[in-house]
Amino acid sequence: MEPIALTTERLILRPFGPQDTYRVHTACQDPDIQRWTVLPSPYRLTDAELFTAKLSPAGWQDDSVYSFALVLRNSEALVGALGVHRRSRPGTYEIGYWGAPDHRGRGYVCEAVLGSARWAFTSLGADRLEWRAEVGNTASRAVALRAGFRMEGEQRSGLLNKGVRRDVWTAALLPCDLGLPGAHPYLPGREAPRPGGAPGAVR
């Protein structure tokens, strides 16, 4: 896919480029970003150069991951990063994000999540957008919940981060959660009725 930019009320979501290298490097010195994401730790300038100049453009070229720099419309300040990853299941994508420490607490990442979700549902043909984060990452979970994701449970050993298997929370957002049509009809499951008409397990 050709790289594109998205606009929300306060943000521009645009592809990363070499001009973002130093700002990405600075933001990713934050201990929380290094703790909760799969980014290298320590995070060196060469890591930022690799991401902005090679990995991010390559993701757009091969349609594997669409990485966005989250910048303020009025100043171009970098307030975070977001990626929409294509999964192996048709119509399923996964979202990941981090917020720059100097710009947290203002709803920027949630705004970007909603903007990118609408884009995924309307332009990529996504029917399901998944979120996963290590158990304990309450900040990422709060963003997902504010954006309308519905928690679906935990996965044991669901994430490999810096050589350690970790448990993860899982959640998903569907087009209907945002009032949008899906690429395919969705029929939610229903419990089988118990004797007497109450829902429950079939005997």
Protein backbone atom coordinates (compact mmCIF):
# COMPACT_ATOMS: atom_id res chain seq x y z
CA MET A 1 0.00 0.00 0.00
CA GLU A 2 1.11 3.54 -0.68
CA PRO A 3 1.76 5.33 2.63
CA ILE A 4 -1.08 7.64 3.64
CA ALA A 5 -1.79 10.16 6.39
CA LEU A 6 -4.89 10.33 8.58
CA THR A 7 -6.25 13.42 10.30
CA THR A 8 -8.14 13.57 13.59
CA GLU A 9 -9.33 16.52 15.64
CA ARG A 10 -5.88 17.32 17.06
CA LEU A 11 -3.49 14.96 15.30
CA ILE A 12 -1.97 13.96 12.02
CA LEU A 13 -1.15 10.26 11.75
CA ARG A 14 1.55 9.96 9.10
CA PRO A 15 4.22 7.42 8.16
CA PHE A 16 7.54 7.66 9.97
CA GLY A 17 10.57 8.96 8.12
CA PRO A 18 14.24 9.70 8.82
CA GLN A 19 13.24 13.15 10.11
CA ASP A 20 11.67 11.41 13.12
CA THR A 21 14.76 9.46 14.18
CA TYR A 22 15.96 11.69 17.00
CA ARG A 23 12.47 12.25 18.39
CA VAL A 24 11.74 8.51 18.38
CA HIS A 25 15.05 7.84 20.09
CA THR A 26 14.33 10.45 22.76
CA ALA A 27 10.80 9.19 23.46
CA CYS A 28 11.92 5.57 23.66
CA GLN A 29 14.35 6.29 26.48
CA ASP A 30 11.26 6.26 28.68
CA PRO A 31 11.44 3.29 31.11
CA ASP A 32 7.76 2.44 30.67
CA ILE A 33 8.05 2.18 26.87
CA GLN A 34 11.08 -0.09 27.22
CA ARG A 35 9.37 -2.17 29.93
CA TRP A 36 6.01 -2.79 28.29
CA THR A 37 6.82 -2.95 24.57
CA VAL A 38 9.00 -5.31 22.56
CA LEU A 39 11.38 -2.49 21.62
CA PRO A 40 15.06 -3.15 22.37
CA SER A 41 16.36 -2.11 25.78
CA PRO A 42 18.56 -0.15 25.89
CA TYR A 43 17.13 1.69 22.90
CA ARG A 44 19.98 3.11 20.85
CA LEU A 45 20.00 5.75 18.14
CA THR A 46 20.79 3.00 15.61
CA ASP A 47 17.54 1.26 16.64
CA ALA A 48 15.58 4.43 15.91
CA GLU A 49 17.38 4.86 12.58
CA LEU A 50 16.56 1.28 11.60
CA PHE A 51 12.89 1.76 12.44
CA THR A 52 12.30 5.15 10.81
CA ALA A 53 14.39 4.58 7.68
CA LYS A 54 13.86 0.86 6.95
CA LEU A 55 11.37 -1.10 9.06
CA SER A 56 8.49 1.37 8.95
CA PRO A 57 8.68 1.97 5.16
CA ALA A 58 9.07 -1.79 4.55
CA GLY A 59 5.89 -2.50 6.50
CA TRP A 60 3.92 -0.24 4.19
CA GLN A 61 5.54 -1.74 1.09
CA ASP A 62 4.71 -5.35 1.95
CA ASP A 63 1.39 -4.63 3.68
CA SER A 64 2.50 -6.29 6.90
CA VAL A 65 2.29 -3.35 9.32
CA TYR A 66 1.17 0.25 8.86
CA SER A 67 3.18 2.41 11.26
CA PHE A 68 2.06 5.94 12.07
CA ALA A 69 3.83 8.81 13.80
CA LEU A 70 1.29 10.69 15.92
CA VAL A 71 2.05 14.39 15.60
CA LEU A 72 0.15 17.45 16.73
CA ARG A 73 -1.54 19.35 13.93
CA ASN A 74 -0.51 22.74 15.30
CA SER A 75 3.16 22.03 16.10
CA GLU A 76 4.30 18.71 14.56
CA ALA A 77 5.38 17.56 18.03
CA LEU A 78 5.65 13.76 18.21
CA VAL A 79 3.17 12.55 20.84
CA GLY A 80 3.27 8.82 20.14
CA ALA A 81 3.41 5.94 17.71
CA LEU A 82 0.85 3.45 16.47
CA GLY A 83 0.98 0.36 14.30
CA VAL A 84 -1.79 -1.62 12.59
CA HIS A 85 -0.51 -5.14 11.97
CA ARG A 86 -2.00 -7.56 9.46
CA ARG A 87 -2.73 -10.96 11.02
CA SER A 88 -2.84 -14.31 9.26
CA ARG A 89 -6.61 -14.63 9.67
CA PRO A 90 -8.52 -12.83 6.87
CA GLY A 91 -9.98 -9.49 7.95
CA THR A 92 -8.13 -9.50 11.28
CA TYR A 93 -5.59 -6.86 12.32
CA GLU A 94 -3.80 -6.04 15.57
CA ILE A 95 -3.09 -2.58 16.95
CA GLY A 96 -0.21 -1.48 19.14
CA TYR A 97 0.85 1.94 20.40
CA TRP A 98 2.91 3.99 22.80
CA GLY A 99 2.67 7.57 24.03
CA ALA A 100 5.57 9.97 24.42
CA PRO A 101 6.06 10.70 28.14
CA ASP A 102 5.77 14.50 27.81
CA HIS A 103 2.33 14.25 26.17
CA ARG A 104 0.51 11.62 28.22
CA GLY A 105 -2.79 12.16 29.97
CA ARG A 106 -4.37 14.25 27.19
CA GLY A 107 -6.15 11.54 25.22
CA TYR A 108 -3.93 11.74 22.15
CA VAL A 109 -3.30 8.01 21.84
CA CYS A 110 -6.97 7.14 22.30
CA GLU A 111 -7.85 9.68 19.59
CA ALA A 112 -5.30 8.07 17.28
CA VAL A 113 -6.57 4.56 18.04
CA LEU A 114 -10.11 5.55 17.09
CA GLY A 115 -8.96 7.31 13.92
CA SER A 116 -6.84 4.38 12.79
CA ALA A 117 -9.60 1.90 13.67
CA ARG A 118 -12.10 3.69 11.44
CA TRP A 119 -9.50 3.68 8.67
CA ALA A 120 -8.85 -0.05 9.12
CA PHE A 121 -12.57 -0.86 9.01
CA THR A 122 -13.36 1.33 6.02
CA SER A 123 -10.19 1.17 3.90
CA LEU A 124 -8.49 -2.12 4.79
CA GLY A 125 -11.66 -4.17 4.98
CA ALA A 126 -10.95 -5.17 8.57
CA ASP A 127 -13.70 -7.04 10.40
CA ARG A 128 -11.82 -7.36 13.68
CA LEU A 129 -9.14 -5.22 15.34
CA GLU A 130 -7.31 -6.95 18.17
CA TRP A 131 -5.35 -5.49 21.09
CA ARG A 132 -2.92 -7.38 23.28
CA ALA A 133 -0.76 -6.15 26.14
CA GLU A 134 1.19 -7.79 28.89
CA VAL A 135 -0.82 -8.36 32.05
CA GLY A 136 -0.10 -5.35 34.27
CA ASN A 137 0.11 -2.75 31.49
CA THR A 138 -2.82 -0.81 32.88
CA ALA A 139 -2.09 2.35 30.86
CA SER A 140 -2.42 0.53 27.53
CA ARG A 141 -5.52 -1.27 28.78
CA ALA A 142 -7.14 2.03 29.80
CA VAL A 143 -6.60 3.44 26.29
CA ALA A 144 -8.11 0.34 24.69
CA LEU A 145 -11.17 0.45 26.94
CA ARG A 146 -11.73 4.16 26.32
CA ALA A 147 -11.58 3.49 22.58
CA GLY A 148 -14.34 0.88 22.91
CA PHE A 149 -12.39 -2.37 22.85
CA ARG A 150 -14.12 -5.23 24.65
CA MET A 151 -11.97 -7.38 26.92
CA GLU A 152 -11.95 -11.03 25.92
CA GLY A 153 -9.63 -12.62 28.48
CA GLU A 154 -6.02 -13.57 29.11
CA GLN A 155 -3.54 -15.69 27.21
CA ARG A 156 -0.91 -17.55 29.18
CA SER A 157 2.57 -17.14 27.68
CA GLY A 158 1.02 -15.09 24.87
CA LEU A 159 3.91 -12.67 24.37
CA LEU A 160 7.66 -13.06 23.96
CA ASN A 161 9.31 -9.88 25.22
CA LYS A 162 13.09 -9.64 25.49
CA GLY A 163 13.54 -13.38 25.77
CA VAL A 164 10.81 -13.94 28.39
CA ARG A 165 7.35 -15.45 27.80
CA ARG A 166 4.65 -13.32 29.43
CA ASP A 167 0.88 -13.50 29.97
CA VAL A 168 -1.25 -11.01 28.03
CA TRP A 169 -4.64 -9.37 28.21
CA THR A 170 -6.67 -9.56 24.99
CA ALA A 171 -9.47 -7.39 23.63
CA ALA A 172 -11.11 -6.64 20.29
CA LEU A 173 -12.97 -3.88 18.50
CA LEU A 174 -15.49 -4.61 15.74
CA PRO A 175 -16.89 -2.26 13.08
CA CYS A 176 -20.32 -2.39 14.73
CA ASP A 177 -18.77 -1.03 17.95
CA LEU A 178 -18.15 2.22 16.04
CA GLY A 179 -21.45 2.15 14.15
CA LEU A 180 -19.75 0.99 10.94
CA PRO A 181 -20.71 -1.85 8.61
CA GLY A 182 -18.38 -4.81 8.42
CA ALA A 183 -17.01 -6.41 5.27
CA HIS A 184 -18.98 -9.54 6.18
CA PRO A 185 -22.16 -10.14 8.20
CA TYR A 186 -21.55 -10.79 11.91
CA LEU A 187 -23.72 -13.23 13.84
CA PRO A 188 -22.90 -13.15 17.58
CA GLY A 189 -22.99 -16.50 19.36
CA ARG A 190 -25.78 -17.30 21.78
CA GLU A 191 -25.85 -19.74 24.65
CA ALA A 192 -28.08 -22.77 24.17
CA PRO A 193 -31.24 -22.60 26.31
CA ARG A 194 -31.42 -24.62 29.52
CA PRO A 195 -34.52 -26.67 30.28
CA GLY A 196 -37.18 -24.13 31.15
CA GLY A 197 -35.89 -21.53 28.71
CA ALA A 198 -32.96 -20.11 30.71
CA PRO A 199 -29.65 -19.79 28.81
CA GLY A 200 -26.98 -22.30 29.70
CA ALA A 201 -25.11 -25.38 28.55
CA VAL A 202 -26.72 -28.16 26.53
CA ARG A 203 -26.97 -31.44 28.41
